Every structure is written in structure tokens, then in C-alpha cells.
PDB file of N, CA and C in Angstrom:
ATOM      1  N   UNK A   1      23.393 -35.573  -1.462  1.00  0.00           N
ATOM      2  CA  UNK A   1      24.222 -35.036  -0.403  1.00  0.00           C
ATOM      3  C   UNK A   1      24.210 -33.516  -0.533  1.00  0.00           C
ATOM      4  N   UNK A   2      23.945 -32.814   0.585  1.00  0.00           N
ATOM      5  CA  UNK A   2      23.889 -31.366   0.597  1.00  0.00           C
ATOM      6  C   UNK A   2      25.191 -30.835   1.136  1.00  0.00           C
ATOM      7  N   UNK A   3      25.822 -29.895   0.440  1.00  0.00           N
ATOM      8  CA  UNK A   3      27.031 -29.280   0.886  1.00  0.00           C
ATOM      9  C   UNK A   3      26.726 -27.805   1.151  1.00  0.00           C
ATOM     10  N   UNK A   4      26.904 -27.334   2.381  1.00  0.00           N
ATOM     11  CA  UNK A   4      26.673 -25.976   2.696  1.00  0.00           C
ATOM     12  C   UNK A   4      27.697 -25.086   2.060  1.00  0.00           C
ATOM     13  N   UNK A   5      27.310 -23.842   1.738  1.00  0.00           N
ATOM     14  CA  UNK A   5      28.251 -22.925   1.151  1.00  0.00           C
ATOM     15  C   UNK A   5      29.392 -22.643   2.137  1.00  0.00           C
ATOM     16  N   UNK A   6      30.581 -22.360   1.558  1.00  0.00           N
ATOM     17  CA  UNK A   6      31.708 -22.065   2.421  1.00  0.00           C
ATOM     18  C   UNK A   6      31.521 -20.780   3.217  1.00  0.00           C
ATOM     19  N   UNK A   7      31.983 -20.733   4.410  1.00  0.00           N
ATOM     20  CA  UNK A   7      31.879 -19.539   5.176  1.00  0.00           C
ATOM     21  C   UNK A   7      32.679 -18.392   4.610  1.00  0.00           C
ATOM     22  N   UNK A   8      32.282 -17.170   4.926  1.00  0.00           N
ATOM     23  CA  UNK A   8      33.008 -16.013   4.378  1.00  0.00           C
ATOM     24  C   UNK A   8      34.396 -15.874   4.948  1.00  0.00           C
ATOM     25  N   UNK A   9      34.595 -16.225   6.181  1.00  0.00           N
ATOM     26  CA  UNK A   9      35.901 -16.143   6.821  1.00  0.00           C
ATOM     27  C   UNK A   9      36.298 -17.521   7.242  1.00  0.00           C
ATOM     28  N   UNK A  10      37.592 -17.749   7.226  1.00  0.00           N
ATOM     29  CA  UNK A  10      38.053 -19.059   7.641  1.00  0.00           C
ATOM     30  C   UNK A  10      39.214 -18.865   8.620  1.00  0.00           C
ATOM     31  N   UNK A  11      39.417 -19.858   9.455  1.00  0.00           N
ATOM     32  CA  UNK A  11      40.580 -19.921  10.348  1.00  0.00           C
ATOM     33  C   UNK A  11      41.230 -21.301  10.152  1.00  0.00           C
ATOM     34  N   UNK A  12      42.494 -21.267  10.313  1.00  0.00           N
ATOM     35  CA  UNK A  12      43.251 -22.534  10.085  1.00  0.00           C
ATOM     36  C   UNK A  12      43.218 -23.408  11.364  1.00  0.00           C
ATOM     37  N   UNK A  13      43.012 -24.708  11.131  1.00  0.00           N
ATOM     38  CA  UNK A  13      43.044 -25.692  12.185  1.00  0.00           C
ATOM     39  C   UNK A  13      44.109 -26.701  11.836  1.00  0.00           C
ATOM     40  N   UNK A  14      45.185 -26.821  12.609  1.00  0.00           N
ATOM     41  CA  UNK A  14      46.258 -27.738  12.297  1.00  0.00           C
ATOM     42  C   UNK A  14      46.171 -28.899  13.328  1.00  0.00           C
ATOM     43  N   UNK A  15      46.248 -30.125  12.796  1.00  0.00           N
ATOM     44  CA  UNK A  15      46.207 -31.272  13.670  1.00  0.00           C
ATOM     45  C   UNK A  15      47.160 -32.356  13.197  1.00  0.00           C
ATOM     46  N   UNK A  16      47.545 -33.197  14.142  1.00  0.00           N
ATOM     47  CA  UNK A  16      48.432 -34.280  13.814  1.00  0.00           C
ATOM     48  C   UNK A  16      47.619 -35.553  13.686  1.00  0.00           C
ATOM     49  N   UNK A  17      47.868 -36.380  12.716  1.00  0.00           N
ATOM     50  CA  UNK A  17      47.135 -37.576  12.454  1.00  0.00           C
ATOM     51  C   UNK A  17      48.096 -38.678  11.940  1.00  0.00           C
ATOM     52  N   UNK A  18      47.805 -39.898  12.233  1.00  0.00           N
ATOM     53  CA  UNK A  18      48.575 -41.032  11.722  1.00  0.00           C
ATOM     54  C   UNK A  18      48.555 -40.949  10.200  1.00  0.00           C
ATOM     55  N   UNK A  19      49.760 -41.048   9.561  1.00  0.00           N
ATOM     56  CA  UNK A  19      49.800 -40.949   8.087  1.00  0.00           C
ATOM     57  C   UNK A  19      48.960 -41.984   7.373  1.00  0.00           C
ATOM     58  N   UNK A  20      48.757 -43.182   7.928  1.00  0.00           N
ATOM     59  CA  UNK A  20      47.988 -44.181   7.224  1.00  0.00           C
ATOM     60  C   UNK A  20      46.473 -43.779   7.313  1.00  0.00           C
ATOM     61  N   UNK A  21      46.063 -43.249   8.451  1.00  0.00           N
ATOM     62  CA  UNK A  21      44.695 -42.769   8.528  1.00  0.00           C
ATOM     63  C   UNK A  21      44.430 -41.577   7.558  1.00  0.00           C
ATOM     64  N   UNK A  22      45.419 -40.689   7.511  1.00  0.00           N
ATOM     65  CA  UNK A  22      45.247 -39.518   6.602  1.00  0.00           C
ATOM     66  C   UNK A  22      45.104 -39.983   5.169  1.00  0.00           C
ATOM     67  N   UNK A  23      45.955 -40.927   4.755  1.00  0.00           N
ATOM     68  CA  UNK A  23      45.904 -41.462   3.388  1.00  0.00           C
ATOM     69  C   UNK A  23      44.572 -42.073   3.137  1.00  0.00           C
ATOM     70  N   UNK A  24      44.042 -42.893   3.975  1.00  0.00           N
ATOM     71  CA  UNK A  24      42.769 -43.556   3.780  1.00  0.00           C
ATOM     72  C   UNK A  24      41.671 -42.545   3.770  1.00  0.00           C
ATOM     73  N   UNK A  25      41.691 -41.591   4.663  1.00  0.00           N
ATOM     74  CA  UNK A  25      40.679 -40.512   4.731  1.00  0.00           C
ATOM     75  C   UNK A  25      40.618 -39.748   3.433  1.00  0.00           C
ATOM     76  N   UNK A  26      41.807 -39.360   2.916  1.00  0.00           N
ATOM     77  CA  UNK A  26      41.855 -38.580   1.664  1.00  0.00           C
ATOM     78  C   UNK A  26      41.351 -39.413   0.476  1.00  0.00           C
ATOM     79  N   UNK A  27      41.659 -40.748   0.477  1.00  0.00           N
ATOM     80  CA  UNK A  27      41.123 -41.613  -0.623  1.00  0.00           C
ATOM     81  C   UNK A  27      39.637 -41.662  -0.595  1.00  0.00           C
ATOM     82  N   UNK A  28      39.080 -41.816   0.647  1.00  0.00           N
ATOM     83  CA  UNK A  28      37.604 -41.883   0.760  1.00  0.00           C
ATOM     84  C   UNK A  28      36.929 -40.549   0.314  1.00  0.00           C
ATOM     85  N   UNK A  29      37.561 -39.479   0.786  1.00  0.00           N
ATOM     86  CA  UNK A  29      37.057 -38.189   0.361  1.00  0.00           C
ATOM     87  C   UNK A  29      37.010 -37.972  -1.135  1.00  0.00           C
ATOM     88  N   UNK A  30      38.094 -38.394  -1.758  1.00  0.00           N
ATOM     89  CA  UNK A  30      38.220 -38.315  -3.213  1.00  0.00           C
ATOM     90  C   UNK A  30      37.130 -39.163  -3.858  1.00  0.00           C
ATOM     91  N   UNK A  31      36.894 -40.350  -3.380  1.00  0.00           N
ATOM     92  CA  UNK A  31      35.866 -41.219  -3.943  1.00  0.00           C
ATOM     93  C   UNK A  31      34.490 -40.600  -3.871  1.00  0.00           C
ATOM     94  N   UNK A  32      34.290 -39.756  -2.868  1.00  0.00           N
ATOM     95  CA  UNK A  32      32.999 -39.108  -2.664  1.00  0.00           C
ATOM     96  C   UNK A  32      32.981 -37.711  -3.254  1.00  0.00           C
ATOM     97  N   UNK A  33      34.005 -37.360  -4.052  1.00  0.00           N
ATOM     98  CA  UNK A  33      34.154 -36.087  -4.683  1.00  0.00           C
ATOM     99  C   UNK A  33      34.092 -34.910  -3.664  1.00  0.00           C
ATOM    100  N   UNK A  34      34.697 -35.094  -2.562  1.00  0.00           N
ATOM    101  CA  UNK A  34      34.742 -34.079  -1.513  1.00  0.00           C
ATOM    102  C   UNK A  34      36.226 -33.804  -1.168  1.00  0.00           C
ATOM    103  N   UNK A  35      36.479 -32.585  -0.690  1.00  0.00           N
ATOM    104  CA  UNK A  35      37.815 -32.353  -0.176  1.00  0.00           C
ATOM    105  C   UNK A  35      37.864 -32.745   1.283  1.00  0.00           C
ATOM    106  N   UNK A  36      39.041 -32.981   1.796  1.00  0.00           N
ATOM    107  CA  UNK A  36      39.179 -33.335   3.219  1.00  0.00           C
ATOM    108  C   UNK A  36      38.691 -32.130   4.076  1.00  0.00           C
ATOM    109  N   UNK A  37      38.865 -30.937   3.618  1.00  0.00           N
ATOM    110  CA  UNK A  37      38.394 -29.769   4.385  1.00  0.00           C
ATOM    111  C   UNK A  37      36.898 -29.725   4.442  1.00  0.00           C
ATOM    112  N   UNK A  38      36.219 -30.053   3.343  1.00  0.00           N
ATOM    113  CA  UNK A  38      34.767 -30.074   3.410  1.00  0.00           C
ATOM    114  C   UNK A  38      34.263 -31.080   4.415  1.00  0.00           C
ATOM    115  N   UNK A  39      34.879 -32.223   4.429  1.00  0.00           N
ATOM    116  CA  UNK A  39      34.451 -33.276   5.369  1.00  0.00           C
ATOM    117  C   UNK A  39      34.717 -32.884   6.828  1.00  0.00           C
ATOM    118  N   UNK A  40      35.872 -32.326   7.070  1.00  0.00           N
ATOM    119  CA  UNK A  40      36.245 -31.887   8.464  1.00  0.00           C
ATOM    120  C   UNK A  40      35.302 -30.756   8.898  1.00  0.00           C
ATOM    121  N   UNK A  41      35.020 -29.821   8.021  1.00  0.00           N
ATOM    122  CA  UNK A  41      34.063 -28.752   8.383  1.00  0.00           C
ATOM    123  C   UNK A  41      32.724 -29.297   8.729  1.00  0.00           C
ATOM    124  N   UNK A  42      32.233 -30.310   7.955  1.00  0.00           N
ATOM    125  CA  UNK A  42      30.979 -30.912   8.262  1.00  0.00           C
ATOM    126  C   UNK A  42      30.960 -31.669   9.592  1.00  0.00           C
ATOM    127  N   UNK A  43      32.077 -32.412   9.836  1.00  0.00           N
ATOM    128  CA  UNK A  43      32.209 -33.112  11.074  1.00  0.00           C
ATOM    129  C   UNK A  43      32.181 -32.170  12.302  1.00  0.00           C
ATOM    130  N   UNK A  44      32.891 -31.041  12.198  1.00  0.00           N
ATOM    131  CA  UNK A  44      32.901 -30.082  13.244  1.00  0.00           C
ATOM    132  C   UNK A  44      31.548 -29.462  13.478  1.00  0.00           C
ATOM    133  N   UNK A  45      30.877 -29.107  12.405  1.00  0.00           N
ATOM    134  CA  UNK A  45      29.503 -28.585  12.478  1.00  0.00           C
ATOM    135  C   UNK A  45      28.571 -29.524  13.221  1.00  0.00           C
ATOM    136  N   UNK A  46      28.589 -30.803  12.817  1.00  0.00           N
ATOM    137  CA  UNK A  46      27.682 -31.762  13.460  1.00  0.00           C
ATOM    138  C   UNK A  46      28.082 -31.998  14.889  1.00  0.00           C
ATOM    139  N   UNK A  47      29.433 -31.980  15.198  1.00  0.00           N
ATOM    140  CA  UNK A  47      29.879 -32.191  16.563  1.00  0.00           C
ATOM    141  C   UNK A  47      29.329 -31.044  17.450  1.00  0.00           C
ATOM    142  N   UNK A  48      29.398 -29.822  16.961  1.00  0.00           N
ATOM    143  CA  UNK A  48      28.936 -28.664  17.734  1.00  0.00           C
ATOM    144  C   UNK A  48      27.416 -28.852  17.980  1.00  0.00           C
ATOM    145  N   UNK A  49      26.672 -29.184  16.944  1.00  0.00           N
ATOM    146  CA  UNK A  49      25.193 -29.340  17.101  1.00  0.00           C
ATOM    147  C   UNK A  49      24.847 -30.482  18.089  1.00  0.00           C
ATOM    148  N   UNK A  50      25.618 -31.544  18.037  1.00  0.00           N
ATOM    149  CA  UNK A  50      25.320 -32.715  18.863  1.00  0.00           C
ATOM    150  C   UNK A  50      25.758 -32.508  20.351  1.00  0.00           C
ATOM    151  N   UNK A  51      26.719 -31.668  20.591  1.00  0.00           N
ATOM    152  CA  UNK A  51      27.321 -31.577  21.911  1.00  0.00           C
ATOM    153  C   UNK A  51      27.218 -30.177  22.554  1.00  0.00           C
ATOM    154  N   UNK A  52      26.436 -29.315  21.983  1.00  0.00           N
ATOM    155  CA  UNK A  52      26.331 -27.941  22.507  1.00  0.00           C
ATOM    156  C   UNK A  52      25.520 -27.938  23.808  1.00  0.00           C
ATOM    157  N   UNK A  53      24.768 -28.984  24.074  1.00  0.00           N
ATOM    158  CA  UNK A  53      24.010 -29.054  25.320  1.00  0.00           C
ATOM    159  C   UNK A  53      22.952 -27.947  25.336  1.00  0.00           C
ATOM    160  N   UNK A  54      22.828 -27.237  26.446  1.00  0.00           N
ATOM    161  CA  UNK A  54      21.844 -26.199  26.554  1.00  0.00           C
ATOM    162  C   UNK A  54      22.311 -24.846  26.034  1.00  0.00           C
ATOM    163  N   UNK A  55      23.529 -24.836  25.529  1.00  0.00           N
ATOM    164  CA  UNK A  55      24.090 -23.565  24.994  1.00  0.00           C
ATOM    165  C   UNK A  55      23.268 -23.135  23.777  1.00  0.00           C
ATOM    166  N   UNK A  56      22.893 -21.867  23.772  1.00  0.00           N
ATOM    167  CA  UNK A  56      22.186 -21.313  22.630  1.00  0.00           C
ATOM    168  C   UNK A  56      23.140 -21.058  21.471  1.00  0.00           C
ATOM    169  N   UNK A  57      22.798 -21.623  20.358  1.00  0.00           N
ATOM    170  CA  UNK A  57      23.664 -21.471  19.179  1.00  0.00           C
ATOM    171  C   UNK A  57      23.252 -20.262  18.370  1.00  0.00           C
ATOM    172  N   UNK A  58      24.254 -19.573  17.787  1.00  0.00           N
ATOM    173  CA  UNK A  58      23.943 -18.437  16.963  1.00  0.00           C
ATOM    174  C   UNK A  58      23.129 -18.857  15.704  1.00  0.00           C
ATOM    175  N   UNK A  59      22.287 -18.007  15.222  1.00  0.00           N
ATOM    176  CA  UNK A  59      21.446 -18.302  14.095  1.00  0.00           C
ATOM    177  C   UNK A  59      22.232 -18.788  12.866  1.00  0.00           C
ATOM    178  N   UNK A  60      23.422 -18.155  12.650  1.00  0.00           N
ATOM    179  CA  UNK A  60      24.234 -18.483  11.464  1.00  0.00           C
ATOM    180  C   UNK A  60      24.716 -19.936  11.514  1.00  0.00           C
ATOM    181  N   UNK A  61      24.846 -20.472  12.743  1.00  0.00           N
ATOM    182  CA  UNK A  61      25.280 -21.846  12.861  1.00  0.00           C
ATOM    183  C   UNK A  61      24.095 -22.830  12.840  1.00  0.00           C
ATOM    184  N   UNK A  62      23.050 -22.466  13.596  1.00  0.00           N
ATOM    185  CA  UNK A  62      21.895 -23.366  13.665  1.00  0.00           C
ATOM    186  C   UNK A  62      21.158 -23.505  12.349  1.00  0.00           C
ATOM    187  N   UNK A  63      21.266 -22.466  11.459  1.00  0.00           N
ATOM    188  CA  UNK A  63      20.552 -22.519  10.177  1.00  0.00           C
ATOM    189  C   UNK A  63      21.362 -23.099   9.058  1.00  0.00           C
ATOM    190  N   UNK A  64      22.591 -23.544   9.327  1.00  0.00           N
ATOM    191  CA  UNK A  64      23.470 -24.106   8.254  1.00  0.00           C
ATOM    192  C   UNK A  64      23.166 -25.547   7.912  1.00  0.00           C
ATOM    193  N   UNK A  65      22.149 -26.138   8.479  1.00  0.00           N
ATOM    194  CA  UNK A  65      21.832 -27.507   8.113  1.00  0.00           C
ATOM    195  C   UNK A  65      21.297 -28.249   9.311  1.00  0.00           C
ATOM    196  N   UNK A  66      20.637 -29.336   9.035  1.00  0.00           N
ATOM    197  CA  UNK A  66      19.998 -30.145  10.088  1.00  0.00           C
ATOM    198  C   UNK A  66      21.016 -31.080  10.708  1.00  0.00           C
ATOM    199  N   UNK A  67      20.704 -31.561  11.874  1.00  0.00           N
ATOM    200  CA  UNK A  67      21.506 -32.512  12.547  1.00  0.00           C
ATOM    201  C   UNK A  67      21.534 -33.855  11.790  1.00  0.00           C
ATOM    202  N   UNK A  68      22.555 -34.625  11.906  1.00  0.00           N
ATOM    203  CA  UNK A  68      22.564 -35.934  11.206  1.00  0.00           C
ATOM    204  C   UNK A  68      21.398 -36.763  11.650  1.00  0.00           C
ATOM    205  N   UNK A  69      20.786 -37.479  10.709  1.00  0.00           N
ATOM    206  CA  UNK A  69      19.647 -38.325  11.052  1.00  0.00           C
ATOM    207  C   UNK A  69      18.295 -37.645  11.029  1.00  0.00           C
ATOM    208  N   UNK A  70      18.301 -36.328  10.909  1.00  0.00           N
ATOM    209  CA  UNK A  70      17.058 -35.632  10.844  1.00  0.00           C
ATOM    210  C   UNK A  70      16.625 -35.443   9.424  1.00  0.00           C
ATOM    211  N   UNK A  71      15.352 -35.224   9.179  1.00  0.00           N
ATOM    212  CA  UNK A  71      14.840 -35.035   7.850  1.00  0.00           C
ATOM    213  C   UNK A  71      15.375 -33.758   7.231  1.00  0.00           C
ATOM    214  N   UNK A  72      15.819 -33.867   5.993  1.00  0.00           N
ATOM    215  CA  UNK A  72      16.278 -32.720   5.245  1.00  0.00           C
ATOM    216  C   UNK A  72      15.426 -32.505   4.000  1.00  0.00           C
ATOM    217  N   UNK A  73      15.111 -31.284   3.653  1.00  0.00           N
ATOM    218  CA  UNK A  73      14.264 -31.055   2.429  1.00  0.00           C
ATOM    219  C   UNK A  73      14.932 -31.519   1.185  1.00  0.00           C
TER     220      UNK A  73
END
């Protein structure tokens, strides 16, 4: 499993989630030795890549990893 280095700057994202889902999510993250923030950042990254459409992505984003399901070195 490849984990991209953390970005130099961060912004806070606050969301509301069912407490049972949060608990289960955190347990699964812990089993995979990942923080919930790492997983959410990865999900957001992949969501942007998958749904950007014809929008040109900045190099810093496009070069941070391949799309899910694609071959990775």
C-alpha cells in the first residue's frame, strides 16, 4: 500500500457522520494501521481524479498517485 506524503499546508474539513459509522470506520482504519485523516485524504484525492471530467488538474495533484485500479510501480 502506497501512502503519499502529507501536503505542506492543510485545511480543516468538518463533517457530521452517524456515530456508529464513525466507530466502525475508525476501527477499520486502525486495523489497517492508517489514521482516519489519511483515508479521507486518499478518498478525496481519488474522488477528484475520478470526477474532474475535462477539467485540467494541476501537476501537484495529478502527480500524487495513480487512479484506483491503474497499475502502480
